[in-house]
Structure formats: structure tokens, C-alpha cells
């Protein structure tokens, strides 16, 4: 069993926090060390996406 199988994941389809590999990989974001971190995944994804977009825009200049 891998270490990630004991971590927490955010299910992008259901919006629920899961522990281990409960759902197919395509539906999961993570891994996270705690359930609280996993529950914050949508905000974290939004922040990272905005940062990547800003980085790409700077590279295009």
C-alpha cells in the first residue's frame, strides 16, 4: 500500500473529502495531509490556477 493511500483527497465530482483511493483518479484532487486541507482544495486550485495564468501571461510578454 502506498503512502498516498492513507492521505486525504478532495472528490471533484461529489465535493466530499475522502481518505485513500475511494474514487477514480480522474475525480480526485490531492493528496493532502489532513481532511481540513482537502476540504480547502477548491480554493487552493483556484489560487494556483490564477498564479499559473499570471505566470503564463508574464512569459508571453
Protein backbone atom coordinates (compact mmCIF):
# COMPACT_ATOMS: atom_id res chain seq x y z
CA UNK A 1 0.00 0.00 0.00
CA UNK A 2 1.41 3.39 -0.94
CA UNK A 3 1.73 6.32 1.43
CA UNK A 4 -0.79 8.31 -0.67
CA UNK A 5 -3.45 5.68 0.01
CA UNK A 6 -3.52 6.90 3.62
CA UNK A 7 -3.84 10.58 2.74
CA UNK A 8 -6.91 12.72 2.11
CA UNK A 9 -8.34 13.61 -1.26
CA UNK A 10 -10.99 16.03 -2.48
CA UNK A 11 -13.55 14.45 -4.78
CA UNK A 12 -14.15 16.94 -7.59
CA UNK A 13 -17.44 15.29 -8.56
CA UNK A 14 -19.10 14.94 -5.16
CA UNK A 15 -17.34 17.77 -3.30
CA UNK A 16 -16.55 15.41 -0.44
CA UNK A 17 -13.29 14.68 1.35
CA UNK A 18 -12.16 11.07 1.08
CA UNK A 19 -9.40 9.09 2.72
CA UNK A 20 -7.41 6.87 0.43
CA UNK A 21 -8.31 5.84 -3.08
CA UNK A 22 -12.11 5.71 -2.74
CA UNK A 23 -12.82 7.27 -6.14
CA UNK A 24 -11.26 7.04 -9.59
CA UNK A 25 -8.14 9.18 -10.01
CA UNK A 26 -9.85 11.49 -12.51
CA UNK A 27 -12.30 12.56 -9.80
CA UNK A 28 -9.68 13.26 -7.09
CA UNK A 29 -7.53 16.27 -6.20
CA UNK A 30 -4.70 15.74 -3.76
CA UNK A 31 -3.19 14.18 -1.82
CA UNK A 32 -3.48 16.28 1.32
CA UNK A 33 -2.12 15.53 4.79
CA UNK A 34 -5.32 16.47 6.62
CA UNK A 35 -9.06 16.41 5.95
CA UNK A 36 -9.13 20.18 6.52
CA UNK A 37 -6.57 20.77 3.77
CA UNK A 38 -8.54 18.53 1.42
CA UNK A 39 -11.75 20.41 2.19
CA UNK A 40 -9.97 23.62 1.10
CA UNK A 41 -8.98 22.11 -2.25
CA UNK A 42 -11.36 24.18 -4.44
CA UNK A 43 -9.90 27.44 -3.11
CA UNK A 44 -6.34 26.12 -3.42
CA UNK A 45 -6.98 25.02 -7.02
CA UNK A 46 -8.44 28.45 -7.82
CA UNK A 47 -5.40 30.23 -6.34
CA UNK A 48 -2.92 28.00 -8.16
CA UNK A 49 -4.75 28.41 -11.46
CA UNK A 50 -4.69 32.19 -11.11
CA UNK A 51 -0.97 32.09 -10.33
CA UNK A 52 -0.24 29.85 -13.32
CA UNK A 53 -2.25 32.17 -15.59
CA UNK A 54 -0.30 35.18 -14.30
CA UNK A 55 2.99 33.35 -14.83
CA UNK A 56 1.99 32.38 -18.37
CA UNK A 57 0.98 35.96 -19.14
CA UNK A 58 4.37 37.24 -17.96
CA UNK A 59 6.17 34.63 -20.09
CA UNK A 60 4.15 35.69 -23.15
CA UNK A 61 5.26 39.33 -22.77
